[in-house]
Protein backbone atom coordinates (compact mmCIF):
# COMPACT_ATOMS: atom_id res chain seq x y z
CA ASP A 1 -18.65 -65.99 -52.42
CA GLY A 2 -16.43 -63.80 -54.84
CA THR A 3 -17.78 -60.33 -53.79
CA GLY A 4 -15.29 -57.72 -52.62
CA ILE A 5 -12.38 -59.26 -54.35
CA SER A 6 -9.84 -56.93 -55.86
CA SER A 7 -6.25 -56.25 -56.53
CA VAL A 8 -4.76 -53.93 -53.83
CA LEU A 9 -1.60 -51.99 -53.33
CA PHE A 10 -0.26 -51.73 -49.71
CA LEU A 11 1.76 -48.66 -48.91
CA ILE A 12 3.82 -48.96 -45.69
CA GLU A 13 6.09 -46.65 -44.01
CA ALA A 14 8.33 -48.25 -41.45
CA ASP A 15 11.22 -47.45 -39.33
CA PRO A 16 14.60 -48.58 -40.87
CA ASP A 17 14.90 -51.70 -38.64
CA ALA A 18 16.93 -54.45 -40.11
CA ASP A 19 13.82 -56.82 -39.93
CA ALA A 20 11.22 -54.42 -40.86
CA LEU A 21 10.74 -56.18 -44.53
CA CYS A 22 10.58 -59.58 -43.02
CA ARG A 23 7.89 -58.51 -40.38
CA VAL A 24 5.72 -57.00 -43.11
CA ALA A 25 6.35 -60.01 -45.40
CA ASN A 26 5.17 -62.43 -42.51
CA VAL A 27 1.88 -60.51 -42.28
CA ILE A 28 1.44 -60.48 -46.24
CA SER A 29 2.10 -64.18 -46.22
CA LEU A 30 -1.23 -64.66 -44.41
CA THR A 31 -3.17 -64.26 -47.85
CA ASN A 32 -1.31 -67.37 -49.18
CA ARG A 33 -0.91 -65.30 -52.47
CA LEU A 34 2.36 -64.37 -53.95
CA PRO A 35 2.73 -60.48 -54.40
CA THR A 36 2.73 -59.33 -58.06
CA ALA A 37 5.25 -56.72 -57.10
CA ALA A 38 7.01 -55.49 -54.10
CA LYS A 39 9.51 -52.53 -53.61
CA LEU A 40 11.44 -51.13 -50.67
CA VAL A 41 12.99 -47.58 -50.86
CA THR A 42 14.69 -45.53 -48.24
CA THR A 43 13.25 -41.92 -47.86
CA LEU A 44 15.34 -38.87 -47.13
CA THR A 45 14.13 -38.80 -43.62
CA GLY A 46 15.69 -42.41 -43.26
CA ARG A 47 12.39 -44.22 -42.97
CA VAL A 48 11.64 -47.04 -45.34
CA VAL A 49 8.75 -47.20 -47.66
CA ILE A 50 7.49 -50.64 -48.66
CA THR A 51 4.92 -51.09 -51.42
CA ILE A 52 3.25 -54.52 -52.14
CA ARG A 53 0.76 -55.46 -54.81
CA LEU A 54 -1.58 -58.31 -54.36
CA ARG A 55 -4.30 -59.83 -56.75
CA ALA A 56 -7.68 -61.30 -55.89
CA VAL A 57 -7.91 -60.46 -52.24
CA THR A 58 -11.18 -60.10 -50.49
CA ALA A 59 -12.18 -56.94 -48.64
CA GLU A 60 -12.17 -58.74 -45.26
CA LYS A 61 -8.76 -60.17 -45.81
CA THR A 62 -7.48 -56.76 -46.94
CA ASP A 63 -8.92 -55.00 -43.71
CA CYS A 64 -7.40 -57.71 -41.59
CA LEU A 65 -3.96 -57.40 -43.18
CA LEU A 66 -4.18 -53.57 -42.70
CA ARG A 67 -4.81 -53.83 -38.96
CA LYS A 68 -2.00 -56.35 -38.51
CA LEU A 69 0.41 -54.13 -40.37
CA ASN A 70 -0.53 -51.08 -38.26
CA GLN A 71 0.09 -53.27 -35.18
CA LEU A 72 3.60 -53.85 -36.03
CA THR A 73 6.05 -51.83 -33.79
CA CYS A 74 8.28 -50.92 -36.81
CA VAL A 75 5.30 -49.69 -38.98
CA VAL A 76 4.80 -45.81 -38.65
CA ARG A 77 1.71 -46.18 -40.93
CA ALA A 78 0.26 -48.50 -43.46
CA ASP A 79 -2.54 -47.73 -46.13
CA VAL A 80 -4.25 -49.84 -48.86
CA HIS A 81 -5.55 -48.76 -52.19
CA ASP A 82 -7.49 -50.53 -54.84
CA ILE A 83 -5.28 -50.97 -57.86
CA ALA A 84 -7.83 -50.00 -60.27
CA ARG A 85 -8.51 -46.53 -58.52
CA VAL A 86 -4.63 -46.00 -58.11
CA CYS A 87 -4.12 -46.45 -61.90
CA SER A 88 -6.88 -44.02 -62.74
CA VAL A 89 -5.38 -41.27 -60.36
CA GLY A 90 -1.53 -41.95 -60.99
CA GLU A 91 1.38 -43.14 -58.80
CA LEU A 92 1.04 -42.62 -54.96
CA THR A 93 3.73 -40.92 -53.14
CA VAL A 94 4.74 -40.80 -49.47
CA SER A 95 4.95 -37.29 -47.88
CA GLU A 96 8.36 -36.62 -46.13
């Protein structure tokens, strides 16, 4: 059933552990979908912010991924946003 399928943007703030990106990527790989975009930046506070865009993800899978991301010890917080909604509001930022 195709209900609840959308493109999403994951916004993940993490400690600057050397393997943080690998841990996050491992969780995202559970979708069996290639991200359409991914970016990692270091904030002024030393944390890293990882953004990942995925297409055609069900709401159930999105919720599952979000729970798994928030369980990672290196993740300070993880949020997910619907791409259509984000595009209408503008670019998201992380508070420092």
